[in-house]
Amino acid sequence: MTAQHFTVADVMTRQVVAVRRDAGFKEIVEAMARWKVTAVPVVGEEGRVVGVVSEADLLVKEEFHDHRTGLVEQQRRLAATAKAGSRRAEDLMAAPAVTVGAGASLPQAARLMATHHVKRLPVVGEDGALRGIVSRADLLKVFLRPDRDLAAEVRRDVVEPLFPDAHRRIGVTVDAGVVTLSGVVADTAVVPLAARLTRAVEGVVDVRCDLTARPAP
């Protein structure tokens, strides 16, 4: 089967702002404001991603701006109070950065985001250099695929290989991403597989399987 599998490279944003390790606090804030982003990757030598600075990292300075912390609070929030006194990206950033390869699948990227509780991931090449950034919204782009494209892929990559003798009698309709398979098949043993493979097609929201067995002669 030749099912189309989207990778991070297919949906990522290629034009991405990044800052160097020695970027100053104000420079980082200005970059976020100019590009309307809430986090920026920090790159080192040869463009390799070494960390990420987010709004949360920067807001610590505002939090402690007019607040004198006691010894107990300093110990309890050691990392936060350290960031409050920092002025450069390498001291403010979260490191090591959680990154994803350009060739990773969309489910892999989604699992990374969920596991690490982040909204976006820097995308890196094999050399670790920054290639783009992928967000939650980017991962949802596959659900914008036209219904006709989904129907064509399901018929080509699921129905025809599984039901070579009966594929012309099987209906494949798609409405708002929901695929309906209908018709009569000789072997119902492969029907669950058909439903599973259809559901795995990128952009499919759900599957209704109305395939029934051919009546006995």
Protein backbone atom coordinates (compact mmCIF):
# COMPACT_ATOMS: atom_id res chain seq x y z
CA MET A 1 0.00 0.00 0.00
CA THR A 2 1.17 3.52 -0.71
CA ALA A 3 -0.70 5.55 1.87
CA GLN A 4 0.44 9.14 2.14
CA HIS A 5 2.01 9.88 5.50
CA PHE A 6 2.58 13.52 6.37
CA THR A 7 5.71 14.50 8.26
CA VAL A 8 6.54 17.52 10.37
CA ALA A 9 8.31 19.02 7.34
CA ASP A 10 4.97 19.10 5.48
CA VAL A 11 3.21 21.31 8.04
CA MET A 12 5.94 23.23 9.90
CA THR A 13 6.54 26.97 9.65
CA ARG A 14 9.87 27.46 7.89
CA GLN A 15 10.31 31.15 8.56
CA VAL A 16 11.09 31.24 12.26
CA VAL A 17 12.71 33.80 14.55
CA ALA A 18 15.52 32.65 16.83
CA VAL A 19 17.98 34.36 19.14
CA ARG A 20 21.61 33.72 20.02
CA ARG A 21 22.87 32.64 23.42
CA ASP A 22 24.06 36.17 24.21
CA ALA A 23 20.82 37.91 23.19
CA GLY A 24 19.74 40.40 25.84
CA PHE A 25 16.44 40.42 27.72
CA LYS A 26 15.03 43.40 25.83
CA GLU A 27 16.15 41.99 22.48
CA ILE A 28 14.22 38.78 23.21
CA VAL A 29 11.07 40.70 24.22
CA GLU A 30 11.30 42.83 21.07
CA ALA A 31 11.69 39.73 18.87
CA MET A 32 8.60 38.11 20.41
CA ALA A 33 6.57 41.29 19.96
CA ARG A 34 7.71 41.84 16.37
CA TRP A 35 6.98 38.25 15.27
CA LYS A 36 3.92 37.83 17.51
CA VAL A 37 5.21 34.62 19.12
CA THR A 38 5.26 33.48 22.73
CA ALA A 39 8.56 31.59 22.62
CA VAL A 40 11.78 31.64 20.60
CA PRO A 41 14.45 28.98 20.07
CA VAL A 42 17.96 29.80 21.23
CA VAL A 43 20.70 28.77 18.80
CA GLY A 44 24.38 28.22 19.33
CA GLU A 45 27.17 27.47 16.90
CA GLU A 46 26.17 26.53 13.35
CA GLY A 47 22.51 27.24 14.17
CA ARG A 48 22.07 24.28 16.52
CA VAL A 49 19.14 24.62 18.92
CA VAL A 50 20.35 24.73 22.53
CA GLY A 51 17.24 25.92 24.34
CA VAL A 52 13.96 27.81 24.22
CA VAL A 53 12.96 31.07 25.91
CA SER A 54 9.25 31.53 26.52
CA GLU A 55 7.13 34.35 27.88
CA ALA A 56 6.91 32.41 31.15
CA ASP A 57 10.71 32.53 31.47
CA LEU A 58 10.71 36.30 30.94
CA LEU A 59 7.76 37.06 33.22
CA VAL A 60 9.71 35.82 36.22
CA LYS A 61 11.65 39.08 36.13
CA GLU A 62 8.42 41.07 36.31
CA GLU A 63 7.12 38.83 39.09
CA PHE A 64 10.12 39.56 41.30
CA HIS A 65 10.58 43.15 40.08
CA ASP A 66 9.35 44.78 43.29
CA HIS A 67 9.19 41.68 45.48
CA ARG A 68 11.97 40.94 47.94
CA THR A 69 12.17 37.23 48.57
CA GLY A 70 13.07 35.65 51.85
CA LEU A 71 15.57 32.84 52.27
CA VAL A 72 12.89 30.13 52.38
CA GLU A 73 11.26 31.32 49.16
CA GLN A 74 14.64 31.68 47.47
CA GLN A 75 15.42 28.04 48.27
CA ARG A 76 11.98 26.85 47.21
CA ARG A 77 12.06 28.72 43.90
CA LEU A 78 15.77 28.65 43.21
CA ALA A 79 15.48 28.35 39.43
CA ALA A 80 12.87 31.11 39.19
CA THR A 81 14.78 33.58 41.35
CA ALA A 82 17.94 32.86 39.37
CA LYS A 83 16.13 33.70 36.14
CA ALA A 84 14.78 36.90 37.70
CA GLY A 85 18.34 38.18 37.91
CA SER A 86 19.33 37.03 34.41
CA ARG A 87 19.67 39.19 31.34
CA ARG A 88 20.85 36.85 28.57
CA ALA A 89 19.11 34.12 26.63
CA GLU A 90 21.47 31.36 27.77
CA ASP A 91 20.58 32.08 31.41
CA LEU A 92 16.85 32.48 30.79
CA MET A 93 16.21 29.57 28.46
CA ALA A 94 14.83 26.14 29.23
CA ALA A 95 17.49 23.62 28.28
CA PRO A 96 18.00 21.18 26.76
CA ALA A 97 15.37 22.11 24.22
CA VAL A 98 12.64 19.63 23.34
CA THR A 99 12.98 19.34 19.56
CA VAL A 100 11.59 17.19 16.78
CA GLY A 101 13.10 16.00 13.52
CA ALA A 102 11.73 17.25 10.22
CA GLY A 103 11.01 13.68 9.18
CA ALA A 104 9.01 12.78 12.30
CA SER A 105 5.37 11.84 11.89
CA LEU A 106 2.59 14.13 13.10
CA PRO A 107 1.54 11.69 15.87
CA GLN A 108 5.15 11.61 17.10
CA ALA A 109 5.22 15.40 17.30
CA ALA A 110 1.85 15.47 19.05
CA ARG A 111 3.05 12.95 21.65
CA LEU A 112 6.18 15.02 22.32
CA MET A 113 4.07 18.12 22.88
CA ALA A 114 1.72 16.28 25.23
CA THR A 115 4.53 14.58 27.17
CA HIS A 116 6.51 17.77 27.72
CA HIS A 117 3.49 20.10 28.04
CA VAL A 118 4.64 22.47 25.28
CA LYS A 119 2.65 24.20 22.56
CA ARG A 120 5.35 24.19 19.87
CA LEU A 121 8.57 22.40 19.00
CA PRO A 122 11.69 23.63 17.20
CA VAL A 123 12.26 21.45 14.14
CA VAL A 124 15.85 20.38 13.56
CA GLY A 125 17.79 18.61 10.85
CA GLU A 126 20.12 15.68 11.36
CA ASP A 127 22.87 18.14 12.31
CA GLY A 128 20.72 19.66 15.06
CA ALA A 129 20.40 22.95 13.20
CA LEU A 130 17.11 24.84 13.25
CA ARG A 131 14.91 24.14 10.23
CA GLY A 132 11.56 25.54 11.37
CA ILE A 133 8.99 25.34 14.12
CA VAL A 134 5.82 23.28 14.47
CA SER A 135 2.86 24.25 16.62
CA ARG A 136 -0.36 22.58 17.70
CA ALA A 137 -2.16 24.54 15.00
CA ASP A 138 0.27 23.21 12.37
CA LEU A 139 -0.51 19.62 13.37
CA LEU A 140 -4.19 20.30 12.76
CA LYS A 141 -3.60 21.40 9.15
CA VAL A 142 -4.10 17.86 7.86
CA PHE A 143 -7.75 18.11 8.89
CA LEU A 144 -8.15 20.83 6.27
CA ARG A 145 -7.61 18.32 3.47
CA PRO A 146 -10.56 18.35 1.03
CA ASP A 147 -13.07 15.52 1.36
CA ARG A 148 -12.49 14.51 -2.26
CA ASP A 149 -8.76 14.00 -1.58
CA LEU A 150 -9.53 11.83 1.43
CA ALA A 151 -12.02 9.77 -0.57
CA ALA A 152 -9.51 9.25 -3.37
CA GLU A 153 -6.78 8.15 -0.97
CA VAL A 154 -9.05 5.76 0.94
CA ARG A 155 -10.22 4.15 -2.29
CA ARG A 156 -6.70 3.88 -3.74
CA ASP A 157 -4.80 2.81 -0.63
CA VAL A 158 -7.40 0.90 1.40
CA VAL A 159 -10.35 -0.32 -0.62
CA GLU A 160 -8.63 -1.42 -3.83
CA PRO A 161 -5.82 -3.42 -2.15
CA LEU A 162 -8.12 -5.09 0.42
CA PHE A 163 -11.02 -5.83 -1.92
CA PRO A 164 -9.45 -6.30 -5.37
CA ASP A 165 -12.43 -8.21 -6.77
CA ALA A 166 -15.17 -6.04 -5.33
CA HIS A 167 -13.69 -2.55 -4.97
CA ARG A 168 -15.94 -1.08 -7.69
CA ARG A 169 -19.02 -2.11 -5.70
CA ILE A 170 -17.82 -0.47 -2.50
CA GLY A 171 -18.86 3.09 -1.80
CA VAL A 172 -16.47 5.62 -0.27
CA THR A 173 -18.06 8.92 0.76
CA VAL A 174 -16.57 11.64 2.92
CA ASP A 175 -18.45 14.42 4.69
CA ALA A 176 -16.49 16.91 6.80
CA GLY A 177 -13.69 14.38 7.22
CA VAL A 178 -15.98 11.52 8.26
CA VAL A 179 -15.52 8.55 5.92
CA THR A 180 -18.33 6.09 5.22
CA LEU A 181 -17.54 2.73 3.66
CA SER A 182 -20.56 0.92 2.25
CA GLY A 183 -21.31 -2.09 0.11
CA VAL A 184 -21.24 -5.86 0.08
CA VAL A 185 -18.04 -7.89 0.49
CA ALA A 186 -17.31 -11.58 0.29
CA ASP A 187 -14.98 -11.70 3.28
CA THR A 188 -15.99 -9.68 6.33
CA ALA A 189 -12.85 -10.76 8.19
CA VAL A 190 -10.94 -7.85 6.66
CA VAL A 191 -13.61 -5.24 7.44
CA PRO A 192 -12.05 -4.25 10.82
CA LEU A 193 -8.71 -3.84 9.03
CA ALA A 194 -10.34 -1.63 6.42
CA ALA A 195 -11.81 0.57 9.14
CA ARG A 196 -8.48 0.78 10.96
CA LEU A 197 -6.49 1.67 7.83
CA THR A 198 -9.07 4.26 6.84
CA ARG A 199 -8.90 5.87 10.25
CA ALA A 200 -5.10 6.07 9.90
CA VAL A 201 -5.34 8.22 6.76
CA GLU A 202 -4.08 11.71 7.60
CA GLY A 203 -7.01 14.10 7.92
CA VAL A 204 -9.73 11.53 8.57
CA VAL A 205 -11.89 12.60 11.51
CA ASP A 206 -13.88 9.38 11.95
CA VAL A 207 -14.99 6.26 10.09
CA ARG A 208 -18.43 4.68 9.60
CA CYS A 209 -18.17 1.15 8.31
CA ASP A 210 -21.36 -0.15 6.66
CA LEU A 211 -19.74 -3.05 4.82
CA THR A 212 -21.89 -6.17 4.97
CA ALA A 213 -21.41 -9.79 4.02
CA ARG A 214 -22.61 -11.14 0.70
CA PRO A 215 -25.69 -13.36 1.21
CA ALA A 216 -25.01 -17.07 0.99
CA PRO A 217 -26.20 -18.67 -2.28
